[in-house]
Amino acid sequence: MMPKSGILERLNQDPPMVGEGAHGTFLYAEGLPAGMLPEQWILEKPDVIRGMHQSYIDAGAESVITCTFGATRPRLAHAGLGDRLAEINRRAVELARTAAGDAVYVGGDIGPLGELLEPLGTLTFEDASDIFAEQAAALHTGGVDMMFIETMTDLNEMKAAIAGARRAAPDLPVFALMSFDGGGGRTNMGVSPAQFAGAMLELKVDAFGANCGRGLPENVAAVGALRDAAPDAQLIAKPNAGLPRLEGDRTVFDTTPEEMAEAARAFLKLGVRLLASCCGSTPAHTRAIAGVVRG
């Protein structure tokens, strides 16, 4: 790979970018115990985390995201790691950056808090924004190329995350993704792709899209609705490898790399500029996506 340009400059170039696949799926295959936060392995098994990023890069990923989906204070506190938030986030960036070198982008991954904001819950917008800003500041100190906010279902929580990320790292691009897995093409909190797109355009978010969700057809439909609502936006698609099911005591995803490649063609027709994959995907899925994108 050639030395990288700025991430926003790269988004405007062809071919579109290929992103990383699932973290949890990879780490569970490596023996991560059920119920354990993947972020714990940043401290306990850093070589596995670094190897995960390397496996996706070897499969064709041009960008990776830090293993920090649950590295906000509320989630870390449940595992007794709240006082190690800065260390975990900075170390996660270091591990991703070691694998990425000079040619691959590193996004600082930020996931939902796992708590409801007012009026459905007790968490205020301001407190949520502060929590996100704390994580974003640690990721920024570590040296990420962009903030990657994903799997949100509540538009207010997304706005709080964007506000926190921008307060902590005003010089970094923000990418924002919601999960439209609530049925009817909406999130579990009732947000439509058009509502999401309108809010992201108003906030001038650098790129946005859909991740996780029910499966490939639903993700393609969600991204299509985003494109209809925002014809000129830089869109991101990061679909699941289908829906999970239990096979004995194992969680199995049925979408094959070949099926992911077919979906990649549909996403490319919608003008997606960054194409990655979410739950259930593996380096084989990333390799299949890269083959379509660069084929």
C-alpha atoms as a PDB file:
ATOM      1  CA  MET A   1       0.000   0.000   0.000  1.00  0.00           C
ATOM      2  CA  MET A   2       1.061   3.595  -0.597  1.00  0.00           C
ATOM      3  CA  PRO A   3       1.507   6.007   2.342  1.00  0.00           C
ATOM      4  CA  LYS A   4      -1.901   7.261   3.385  1.00  0.00           C
ATOM      5  CA  SER A   5      -3.431  10.668   2.740  1.00  0.00           C
ATOM      6  CA  GLY A   6      -5.940  12.267   5.094  1.00  0.00           C
ATOM      7  CA  ILE A   7      -8.963  10.052   5.672  1.00  0.00           C
ATOM      8  CA  LEU A   8     -11.417  12.538   4.134  1.00  0.00           C
ATOM      9  CA  GLU A   9      -9.235  12.973   1.072  1.00  0.00           C
ATOM     10  CA  ARG A  10      -9.082   9.194   0.753  1.00  0.00           C
ATOM     11  CA  LEU A  11     -12.876   8.868   0.935  1.00  0.00           C
ATOM     12  CA  ASN A  12     -13.105  10.945  -2.228  1.00  0.00           C
ATOM     13  CA  GLN A  13     -10.769   8.644  -4.147  1.00  0.00           C
ATOM     14  CA  ASP A  14     -11.432   5.389  -5.971  1.00  0.00           C
ATOM     15  CA  PRO A  15     -11.723   2.580  -5.281  1.00  0.00           C
ATOM     16  CA  PRO A  16     -13.859   2.907  -2.146  1.00  0.00           C
ATOM     17  CA  MET A  17     -12.250   1.988   1.162  1.00  0.00           C
ATOM     18  CA  VAL A  18     -12.461  -1.462   2.743  1.00  0.00           C
ATOM     19  CA  GLY A  19     -12.840  -1.580   6.513  1.00  0.00           C
ATOM     20  CA  GLU A  20     -12.324  -4.154   9.221  1.00  0.00           C
ATOM     21  CA  GLY A  21     -14.681  -6.958  10.220  1.00  0.00           C
ATOM     22  CA  ALA A  22     -16.092  -8.124  13.557  1.00  0.00           C
ATOM     23  CA  HIS A  23     -14.040  -8.003  16.741  1.00  0.00           C
ATOM     24  CA  GLY A  24     -16.208 -10.131  19.016  1.00  0.00           C
ATOM     25  CA  THR A  25     -16.509 -12.980  16.520  1.00  0.00           C
ATOM     26  CA  PHE A  26     -12.734 -13.090  16.090  1.00  0.00           C
ATOM     27  CA  LEU A  27     -11.965 -12.884  19.803  1.00  0.00           C
ATOM     28  CA  TYR A  28     -14.544 -15.499  20.830  1.00  0.00           C
ATOM     29  CA  ALA A  29     -12.901 -17.853  18.332  1.00  0.00           C
ATOM     30  CA  GLU A  30      -9.622 -17.119  20.122  1.00  0.00           C
ATOM     31  CA  GLY A  31     -11.136 -18.126  23.461  1.00  0.00           C
ATOM     32  CA  LEU A  32     -12.574 -14.932  24.924  1.00  0.00           C
ATOM     33  CA  PRO A  33     -14.925 -16.143  27.691  1.00  0.00           C
ATOM     34  CA  ALA A  34     -18.620 -15.401  27.279  1.00  0.00           C
ATOM     35  CA  GLY A  35     -19.555 -12.308  29.239  1.00  0.00           C
ATOM     36  CA  MET A  36     -16.046 -10.883  29.348  1.00  0.00           C
ATOM     37  CA  LEU A  37     -15.517  -7.455  27.854  1.00  0.00           C
ATOM     38  CA  PRO A  38     -13.234  -7.686  24.817  1.00  0.00           C
ATOM     39  CA  GLU A  39     -11.522  -4.573  26.176  1.00  0.00           C
ATOM     40  CA  GLN A  40     -10.103  -6.675  29.022  1.00  0.00           C
ATOM     41  CA  TRP A  41      -7.876  -8.463  26.515  1.00  0.00           C
ATOM     42  CA  ILE A  42      -6.302  -5.140  25.569  1.00  0.00           C
ATOM     43  CA  LEU A  43      -4.576  -5.437  28.939  1.00  0.00           C
ATOM     44  CA  GLU A  44      -4.398  -9.214  29.322  1.00  0.00           C
ATOM     45  CA  LYS A  45      -3.780 -10.490  25.773  1.00  0.00           C
ATOM     46  CA  PRO A  46      -2.535  -7.579  23.685  1.00  0.00           C
ATOM     47  CA  ASP A  47      -0.908  -9.866  21.121  1.00  0.00           C
ATOM     48  CA  VAL A  48      -4.327 -11.338  20.263  1.00  0.00           C
ATOM     49  CA  ILE A  49      -5.817  -7.862  19.779  1.00  0.00           C
ATOM     50  CA  ARG A  50      -2.907  -6.778  17.599  1.00  0.00           C
ATOM     51  CA  GLY A  51      -3.114 -10.051  15.665  1.00  0.00           C
ATOM     52  CA  MET A  52      -6.827  -9.507  15.049  1.00  0.00           C
ATOM     53  CA  HIS A  53      -6.154  -6.159  13.397  1.00  0.00           C
ATOM     54  CA  GLN A  54      -3.304  -7.670  11.413  1.00  0.00           C
ATOM     55  CA  SER A  55      -5.523 -10.493  10.162  1.00  0.00           C
ATOM     56  CA  TYR A  56      -8.058  -8.020   8.791  1.00  0.00           C
ATOM     57  CA  ILE A  57      -5.334  -5.874   7.238  1.00  0.00           C
ATOM     58  CA  ASP A  58      -3.838  -8.965   5.601  1.00  0.00           C
ATOM     59  CA  ALA A  59      -7.325  -9.704   4.225  1.00  0.00           C
ATOM     60  CA  GLY A  60      -7.483  -6.284   2.566  1.00  0.00           C
ATOM     61  CA  ALA A  61      -8.715  -3.792   5.169  1.00  0.00           C
ATOM     62  CA  GLU A  62      -7.503  -0.250   4.567  1.00  0.00           C
ATOM     63  CA  SER A  63      -8.932   0.978   7.859  1.00  0.00           C
ATOM     64  CA  VAL A  64      -9.364  -0.629  11.273  1.00  0.00           C
ATOM     65  CA  ILE A  65     -11.085   0.519  14.436  1.00  0.00           C
ATOM     66  CA  THR A  66      -9.847   0.237  17.989  1.00  0.00           C
ATOM     67  CA  CYS A  67     -11.186  -2.522  20.239  1.00  0.00           C
ATOM     68  CA  THR A  68     -12.965   0.061  22.393  1.00  0.00           C
ATOM     69  CA  PHE A  69     -16.659  -0.363  21.564  1.00  0.00           C
ATOM     70  CA  GLY A  70     -17.411  -0.748  25.289  1.00  0.00           C
ATOM     71  CA  ALA A  71     -14.593   1.411  26.662  1.00  0.00           C
ATOM     72  CA  THR A  72     -16.739   4.170  28.132  1.00  0.00           C
ATOM     73  CA  ARG A  73     -16.724   4.600  31.907  1.00  0.00           C
ATOM     74  CA  PRO A  74     -20.172   3.036  32.592  1.00  0.00           C
ATOM     75  CA  ARG A  75     -19.367  -0.153  30.663  1.00  0.00           C
ATOM     76  CA  LEU A  76     -15.831  -0.470  32.011  1.00  0.00           C
ATOM     77  CA  ALA A  77     -17.063   0.135  35.558  1.00  0.00           C
ATOM     78  CA  HIS A  78     -19.239  -2.994  35.336  1.00  0.00           C
ATOM     79  CA  ALA A  79     -16.031  -4.993  34.839  1.00  0.00           C
ATOM     80  CA  GLY A  80     -14.164  -3.149  37.572  1.00  0.00           C
ATOM     81  CA  LEU A  81     -12.040  -1.283  35.035  1.00  0.00           C
ATOM     82  CA  GLY A  82     -13.456   2.230  35.272  1.00  0.00           C
ATOM     83  CA  ASP A  83     -10.233   3.603  36.734  1.00  0.00           C
ATOM     84  CA  ARG A  84      -8.247   2.262  33.766  1.00  0.00           C
ATOM     85  CA  LEU A  85     -10.291   3.974  31.045  1.00  0.00           C
ATOM     86  CA  ALA A  86      -7.514   6.215  29.730  1.00  0.00           C
ATOM     87  CA  GLU A  87      -4.996   3.371  29.758  1.00  0.00           C
ATOM     88  CA  ILE A  88      -7.314   0.954  27.939  1.00  0.00           C
ATOM     89  CA  ASN A  89      -8.273   3.398  25.203  1.00  0.00           C
ATOM     90  CA  ARG A  90      -4.727   4.609  24.605  1.00  0.00           C
ATOM     91  CA  ARG A  91      -3.357   1.063  24.607  1.00  0.00           C
ATOM     92  CA  ALA A  92      -6.040  -0.017  22.136  1.00  0.00           C
ATOM     93  CA  VAL A  93      -4.907   2.708  19.747  1.00  0.00           C
ATOM     94  CA  GLU A  94      -1.289   1.618  20.150  1.00  0.00           C
ATOM     95  CA  LEU A  95      -2.146  -1.997  19.301  1.00  0.00           C
ATOM     96  CA  ALA A  96      -4.177  -1.016  16.244  1.00  0.00           C
ATOM     97  CA  ARG A  97      -1.510   1.432  15.117  1.00  0.00           C
ATOM     98  CA  THR A  98       1.220  -1.169  15.438  1.00  0.00           C
ATOM     99  CA  ALA A  99      -0.640  -3.389  12.995  1.00  0.00           C
ATOM    100  CA  ALA A 100      -1.725  -0.501  10.758  1.00  0.00           C
ATOM    101  CA  GLY A 101       1.686   1.027  10.170  1.00  0.00           C
ATOM    102  CA  ASP A 102       1.769   4.023   7.839  1.00  0.00           C
ATOM    103  CA  ALA A 103      -0.690   2.806   5.204  1.00  0.00           C
ATOM    104  CA  VAL A 104      -3.842   1.879   7.157  1.00  0.00           C
ATOM    105  CA  TYR A 105      -6.219   4.248   8.950  1.00  0.00           C
ATOM    106  CA  VAL A 106      -7.162   3.780  12.603  1.00  0.00           C
ATOM    107  CA  GLY A 107     -10.578   4.902  13.856  1.00  0.00           C
ATOM    108  CA  GLY A 108     -11.397   5.364  17.514  1.00  0.00           C
ATOM    109  CA  ASP A 109     -14.407   3.112  18.110  1.00  0.00           C
ATOM    110  CA  ILE A 110     -17.199   4.456  20.330  1.00  0.00           C
ATOM    111  CA  GLY A 111     -20.311   2.401  21.083  1.00  0.00           C
ATOM    112  CA  PRO A 112     -23.549   3.017  22.993  1.00  0.00           C
ATOM    113  CA  LEU A 113     -23.470   3.554  26.742  1.00  0.00           C
ATOM    114  CA  GLY A 114     -25.979   0.837  27.572  1.00  0.00           C
ATOM    115  CA  GLU A 115     -28.080   3.381  29.479  1.00  0.00           C
ATOM    116  CA  LEU A 116     -31.161   5.290  28.360  1.00  0.00           C
ATOM    117  CA  LEU A 117     -31.091   9.061  28.046  1.00  0.00           C
ATOM    118  CA  GLU A 118     -33.901  11.279  29.285  1.00  0.00           C
ATOM    119  CA  PRO A 119     -36.884  11.180  29.019  1.00  0.00           C
ATOM    120  CA  LEU A 120     -36.892   7.367  28.848  1.00  0.00           C
ATOM    121  CA  GLY A 121     -33.992   7.061  31.277  1.00  0.00           C
ATOM    122  CA  THR A 122     -32.204   9.144  33.888  1.00  0.00           C
ATOM    123  CA  LEU A 123     -29.051  10.061  31.968  1.00  0.00           C
ATOM    124  CA  THR A 124     -28.998  13.671  30.805  1.00  0.00           C
ATOM    125  CA  PHE A 125     -27.702  14.712  27.395  1.00  0.00           C
ATOM    126  CA  GLU A 126     -24.946  16.726  29.061  1.00  0.00           C
ATOM    127  CA  ASP A 127     -23.791  13.810  31.221  1.00  0.00           C
ATOM    128  CA  ALA A 128     -23.793  11.473  28.214  1.00  0.00           C
ATOM    129  CA  SER A 129     -21.776  13.967  26.215  1.00  0.00           C
ATOM    130  CA  ASP A 130     -19.243  14.194  29.066  1.00  0.00           C
ATOM    131  CA  ILE A 131     -18.905  10.402  29.178  1.00  0.00           C
ATOM    132  CA  PHE A 132     -18.299  10.200  25.436  1.00  0.00           C
ATOM    133  CA  ALA A 133     -15.859  13.125  25.593  1.00  0.00           C
ATOM    134  CA  GLU A 134     -13.789  11.318  28.223  1.00  0.00           C
ATOM    135  CA  GLN A 135     -13.350   8.286  25.977  1.00  0.00           C
ATOM    136  CA  ALA A 136     -12.784  10.394  22.866  1.00  0.00           C
ATOM    137  CA  ALA A 137     -10.067  12.375  24.627  1.00  0.00           C
ATOM    138  CA  ALA A 138      -8.162   9.179  25.446  1.00  0.00           C
ATOM    139  CA  LEU A 139      -8.544   7.905  21.875  1.00  0.00           C
ATOM    140  CA  HIS A 140      -7.377  11.259  20.538  1.00  0.00           C
ATOM    141  CA  THR A 141      -4.335  11.222  22.816  1.00  0.00           C
ATOM    142  CA  GLY A 142      -3.556   7.752  21.492  1.00  0.00           C
ATOM    143  CA  GLY A 143      -3.475   9.097  17.934  1.00  0.00           C
ATOM    144  CA  VAL A 144      -6.526   7.922  15.970  1.00  0.00           C
ATOM    145  CA  ASP A 145      -7.304   9.262  12.491  1.00  0.00           C
ATOM    146  CA  MET A 146     -11.061   9.694  13.065  1.00  0.00           C
ATOM    147  CA  MET A 147     -13.809   9.007  15.603  1.00  0.00           C
ATOM    148  CA  PHE A 148     -15.990   6.051  14.625  1.00  0.00           C
ATOM    149  CA  ILE A 149     -19.329   6.141  16.479  1.00  0.00           C
ATOM    150  CA  GLU A 150     -21.406   3.046  15.771  1.00  0.00           C
ATOM    151  CA  THR A 151     -24.417   0.836  16.580  1.00  0.00           C
ATOM    152  CA  MET A 152     -26.473   3.698  17.972  1.00  0.00           C
ATOM    153  CA  THR A 153     -30.263   3.403  18.035  1.00  0.00           C
ATOM    154  CA  ASP A 154     -31.188   6.615  19.886  1.00  0.00           C
ATOM    155  CA  LEU A 155     -30.679   9.792  17.875  1.00  0.00           C
ATOM    156  CA  ASN A 156     -30.171  11.843  21.048  1.00  0.00           C
ATOM    157  CA  GLU A 157     -27.432   9.490  22.199  1.00  0.00           C
ATOM    158  CA  MET A 158     -25.810   9.765  18.775  1.00  0.00           C
ATOM    159  CA  LYS A 159     -25.915  13.546  19.031  1.00  0.00           C
ATOM    160  CA  ALA A 160     -24.383  13.377  22.520  1.00  0.00           C
ATOM    161  CA  ALA A 161     -21.592  11.146  21.226  1.00  0.00           C
ATOM    162  CA  ILE A 162     -20.875  13.509  18.332  1.00  0.00           C
ATOM    163  CA  ALA A 163     -20.850  16.493  20.683  1.00  0.00           C
ATOM    164  CA  GLY A 164     -18.477  14.723  23.076  1.00  0.00           C
ATOM    165  CA  ALA A 165     -16.166  13.572  20.292  1.00  0.00           C
ATOM    166  CA  ARG A 166     -15.984  17.039  18.786  1.00  0.00           C
ATOM    167  CA  ARG A 167     -15.330  18.656  22.159  1.00  0.00           C
ATOM    168  CA  ALA A 168     -12.472  16.254  22.901  1.00  0.00           C
ATOM    169  CA  ALA A 169     -11.031  16.094  19.385  1.00  0.00           C
ATOM    170  CA  PRO A 170     -12.171  19.099  17.338  1.00  0.00           C
ATOM    171  CA  ASP A 171      -9.509  18.447  14.705  1.00  0.00           C
ATOM    172  CA  LEU A 172     -10.664  14.911  13.851  1.00  0.00           C
ATOM    173  CA  PRO A 173     -13.347  13.760  11.387  1.00  0.00           C
ATOM    174  CA  VAL A 174     -16.415  12.072  12.856  1.00  0.00           C
ATOM    175  CA  PHE A 175     -18.035   8.999  11.276  1.00  0.00           C
ATOM    176  CA  ALA A 176     -21.468   8.043  12.625  1.00  0.00           C
ATOM    177  CA  LEU A 177     -23.436   4.809  12.163  1.00  0.00           C
ATOM    178  CA  MET A 178     -26.832   3.699  13.422  1.00  0.00           C
ATOM    179  CA  SER A 179     -28.275   0.191  13.568  1.00  0.00           C
ATOM    180  CA  PHE A 180     -31.603  -0.117  11.788  1.00  0.00           C
ATOM    181  CA  ASP A 181     -32.655  -3.381  13.392  1.00  0.00           C
ATOM    182  CA  GLY A 182     -35.967  -2.474  14.979  1.00  0.00           C
ATOM    183  CA  GLY A 183     -38.214  -3.583  12.139  1.00  0.00           C
ATOM    184  CA  GLY A 184     -39.886  -1.393   9.565  1.00  0.00           C
ATOM    185  CA  GLY A 185     -36.529  -0.069   8.491  1.00  0.00           C
ATOM    186  CA  ARG A 186     -36.071   1.880  11.734  1.00  0.00           C
ATOM    187  CA  THR A 187     -33.802   1.579  14.752  1.00  0.00           C
ATOM    188  CA  ASN A 188     -35.040  -0.028  17.968  1.00  0.00           C
ATOM    189  CA  MET A 189     -35.745   3.501  19.189  1.00  0.00           C
ATOM    190  CA  GLY A 190     -37.839   4.311  16.121  1.00  0.00           C
ATOM    191  CA  VAL A 191     -35.362   6.428  14.157  1.00  0.00           C
ATOM    192  CA  SER A 192     -35.760   6.238  10.379  1.00  0.00           C
ATOM    193  CA  PRO A 193     -32.841   6.495   7.947  1.00  0.00           C
ATOM    194  CA  ALA A 194     -34.275   9.792   6.674  1.00  0.00           C
ATOM    195  CA  GLN A 195     -34.406  11.241  10.201  1.00  0.00           C
ATOM    196  CA  PHE A 196     -30.844  10.122  10.852  1.00  0.00           C
ATOM    197  CA  ALA A 197     -29.558  11.481   7.562  1.00  0.00           C
ATOM    198  CA  GLY A 198     -31.246  14.830   8.134  1.00  0.00           C
ATOM    199  CA  ALA A 199     -29.669  15.169  11.569  1.00  0.00           C
ATOM    200  CA  MET A 200     -26.210  14.221  10.309  1.00  0.00           C
ATOM    201  CA  LEU A 201     -26.428  16.720   7.459  1.00  0.00           C
ATOM    202  CA  GLU A 202     -27.478  19.411   9.922  1.00  0.00           C
ATOM    203  CA  LEU A 203     -24.523  18.565  12.179  1.00  0.00           C
ATOM    204  CA  LYS A 204     -22.185  18.380   9.178  1.00  0.00           C
ATOM    205  CA  VAL A 205     -20.886  14.938  10.146  1.00  0.00           C
ATOM    206  CA  ASP A 206     -18.088  13.888   7.796  1.00  0.00           C
ATOM    207  CA  ALA A 207     -19.502  10.457   6.886  1.00  0.00           C
ATOM    208  CA  PHE A 208     -22.390   8.363   8.146  1.00  0.00           C
ATOM    209  CA  GLY A 209     -24.149   5.098   7.504  1.00  0.00           C
ATOM    210  CA  ALA A 210     -25.608   1.856   8.830  1.00  0.00           C
ATOM    211  CA  ASN A 211     -24.015  -0.986  10.765  1.00  0.00           C
ATOM    212  CA  CYS A 212     -24.994  -4.193  12.532  1.00  0.00           C
ATOM    213  CA  GLY A 213     -28.748  -4.622  11.921  1.00  0.00           C
ATOM    214  CA  ARG A 214     -30.777  -7.647  10.936  1.00  0.00           C
ATOM    215  CA  GLY A 215     -29.032  -8.870   7.817  1.00  0.00           C
ATOM    216  CA  LEU A 216     -27.771  -7.961   4.385  1.00  0.00           C
ATOM    217  CA  PRO A 217     -31.102  -7.096   2.667  1.00  0.00           C
ATOM    218  CA  GLU A 218     -32.148  -4.834   5.541  1.00  0.00           C
ATOM    219  CA  ASN A 219     -28.769  -3.099   5.565  1.00  0.00           C
ATOM    220  CA  VAL A 220     -28.852  -2.534   1.824  1.00  0.00           C
ATOM    221  CA  ALA A 221     -32.340  -1.059   2.184  1.00  0.00           C
ATOM    222  CA  ALA A 222     -31.223   1.213   5.043  1.00  0.00           C
ATOM    223  CA  VAL A 223     -28.236   2.491   3.084  1.00  0.00           C
ATOM    224  CA  GLY A 224     -30.477   3.016   0.063  1.00  0.00           C
ATOM    225  CA  ALA A 225     -32.808   5.127   2.191  1.00  0.00           C
ATOM    226  CA  LEU A 226     -29.827   7.125   3.474  1.00  0.00           C
ATOM    227  CA  ARG A 227     -28.715   7.732  -0.107  1.00  0.00           C
ATOM    228  CA  ASP A 228     -32.210   8.906  -1.078  1.00  0.00           C
ATOM    229  CA  ALA A 229     -32.213  11.334   1.845  1.00  0.00           C
ATOM    230  CA  ALA A 230     -28.633  12.530   1.339  1.00  0.00           C
ATOM    231  CA  PRO A 231     -27.609  12.169  -2.321  1.00  0.00           C
ATOM    232  CA  ASP A 232     -24.202  13.792  -1.854  1.00  0.00           C
ATOM    233  CA  ALA A 233     -23.188  12.303   1.514  1.00  0.00           C
ATOM    234  CA  GLN A 234     -20.169  10.098   2.147  1.00  0.00           C
ATOM    235  CA  LEU A 235     -21.868   6.841   3.163  1.00  0.00           C
ATOM    236  CA  ILE A 236     -20.589   3.900   5.193  1.00  0.00           C
ATOM    237  CA  ALA A 237     -21.955   0.343   5.257  1.00  0.00           C
ATOM    238  CA  LYS A 238     -20.951  -2.198   7.902  1.00  0.00           C
ATOM    239  CA  PRO A 239     -23.511  -5.044   7.846  1.00  0.00           C
ATOM    240  CA  ASN A 240     -23.765  -8.143  10.005  1.00  0.00           C
ATOM    241  CA  ALA A 241     -23.035 -11.542   8.523  1.00  0.00           C
ATOM    242  CA  GLY A 242     -26.724 -12.347   8.920  1.00  0.00           C
ATOM    243  CA  LEU A 243     -28.604 -12.978  12.161  1.00  0.00           C
ATOM    244  CA  PRO A 244     -27.041 -15.094  14.922  1.00  0.00           C
ATOM    245  CA  ARG A 245     -28.443 -18.477  15.930  1.00  0.00           C
ATOM    246  CA  LEU A 246     -27.428 -21.019  18.531  1.00  0.00           C
ATOM    247  CA  GLU A 247     -25.915 -24.313  17.432  1.00  0.00           C
ATOM    248  CA  GLY A 248     -25.400 -26.231  20.650  1.00  0.00           C
ATOM    249  CA  ASP A 249     -23.527 -23.772  22.843  1.00  0.00           C
ATOM    250  CA  ARG A 250     -22.063 -21.855  19.890  1.00  0.00           C
ATOM    251  CA  THR A 251     -23.383 -18.701  18.245  1.00  0.00           C
ATOM    252  CA  VAL A 252     -23.379 -19.147  14.469  1.00  0.00           C
ATOM    253  CA  PHE A 253     -23.822 -16.641  11.642  1.00  0.00           C
ATOM    254  CA  ASP A 254     -24.861 -18.104   8.306  1.00  0.00           C
ATOM    255  CA  THR A 255     -23.865 -15.406   5.799  1.00  0.00           C
ATOM    256  CA  THR A 256     -20.961 -16.676   3.732  1.00  0.00           C
ATOM    257  CA  PRO A 257     -18.113 -14.568   2.327  1.00  0.00           C
ATOM    258  CA  GLU A 258     -19.624 -15.127  -1.130  1.00  0.00           C
ATOM    259  CA  GLU A 259     -22.963 -13.700   0.004  1.00  0.00           C
ATOM    260  CA  MET A 260     -21.155 -10.753   1.594  1.00  0.00           C
ATOM    261  CA  ALA A 261     -19.440 -10.148  -1.735  1.00  0.00           C
ATOM    262  CA  GLU A 262     -22.819 -10.010  -3.498  1.00  0.00           C
ATOM    263  CA  ALA A 263     -24.042  -7.469  -0.962  1.00  0.00           C
ATOM    264  CA  ALA A 264     -20.851  -5.479  -1.496  1.00  0.00           C
ATOM    265  CA  ARG A 265     -21.843  -5.033  -5.138  1.00  0.00           C
ATOM    266  CA  ALA A 266     -25.211  -3.616  -4.052  1.00  0.00           C
ATOM    267  CA  PHE A 267     -23.563  -1.223  -1.593  1.00  0.00           C
ATOM    268  CA  LEU A 268     -21.125  -0.034  -4.245  1.00  0.00           C
ATOM    269  CA  LYS A 269     -24.035   0.744  -6.584  1.00  0.00           C
ATOM    270  CA  LEU A 270     -25.398   2.984  -3.818  1.00  0.00           C
ATOM    271  CA  GLY A 271     -22.129   4.900  -3.775  1.00  0.00           C
ATOM    272  CA  VAL A 272     -20.822   3.675  -0.423  1.00  0.00           C
ATOM    273  CA  ARG A 273     -17.333   5.039   0.214  1.00  0.00           C
ATOM    274  CA  LEU A 274     -16.328   2.834   3.178  1.00  0.00           C
ATOM    275  CA  LEU A 275     -17.450  -0.782   3.212  1.00  0.00           C
ATOM    276  CA  ALA A 276     -16.771  -2.965   6.247  1.00  0.00           C
ATOM    277  CA  SER A 277     -18.607  -5.742   8.098  1.00  0.00           C
ATOM    278  CA  CYS A 278     -20.008  -6.289  11.581  1.00  0.00           C
ATOM    279  CA  CYS A 279     -21.116  -9.157  13.850  1.00  0.00           C
ATOM    280  CA  GLY A 280     -20.375 -12.652  12.606  1.00  0.00           C
ATOM    281  CA  SER A 281     -17.890 -11.556   9.957  1.00  0.00           C
ATOM    282  CA  THR A 282     -14.320 -12.806   9.705  1.00  0.00           C
ATOM    283  CA  PRO A 283     -11.200 -11.982   7.693  1.00  0.00           C
ATOM    284  CA  ALA A 284     -12.654 -14.212   4.969  1.00  0.00           C
ATOM    285  CA  HIS A 285     -15.598 -11.818   4.641  1.00  0.00           C
ATOM    286  CA  THR A 286     -13.206  -8.863   4.487  1.00  0.00           C
ATOM    287  CA  ARG A 287     -11.199 -10.610   1.775  1.00  0.00           C
ATOM    288  CA  ALA A 288     -14.401 -11.186  -0.225  1.00  0.00           C
ATOM    289  CA  ILE A 289     -15.400  -7.528   0.094  1.00  0.00           C
ATOM    290  CA  ALA A 290     -11.926  -6.379  -0.934  1.00  0.00           C
ATOM    291  CA  GLY A 291     -12.073  -8.640  -3.976  1.00  0.00           C
ATOM    292  CA  VAL A 292     -15.249  -6.926  -5.175  1.00  0.00           C
ATOM    293  CA  VAL A 293     -14.137  -3.387  -4.313  1.00  0.00           C
ATOM    294  CA  ARG A 294     -10.769  -3.742  -6.015  1.00  0.00           C
ATOM    295  CA  GLY A 295     -11.734  -6.305  -8.602  1.00  0.00           C
END
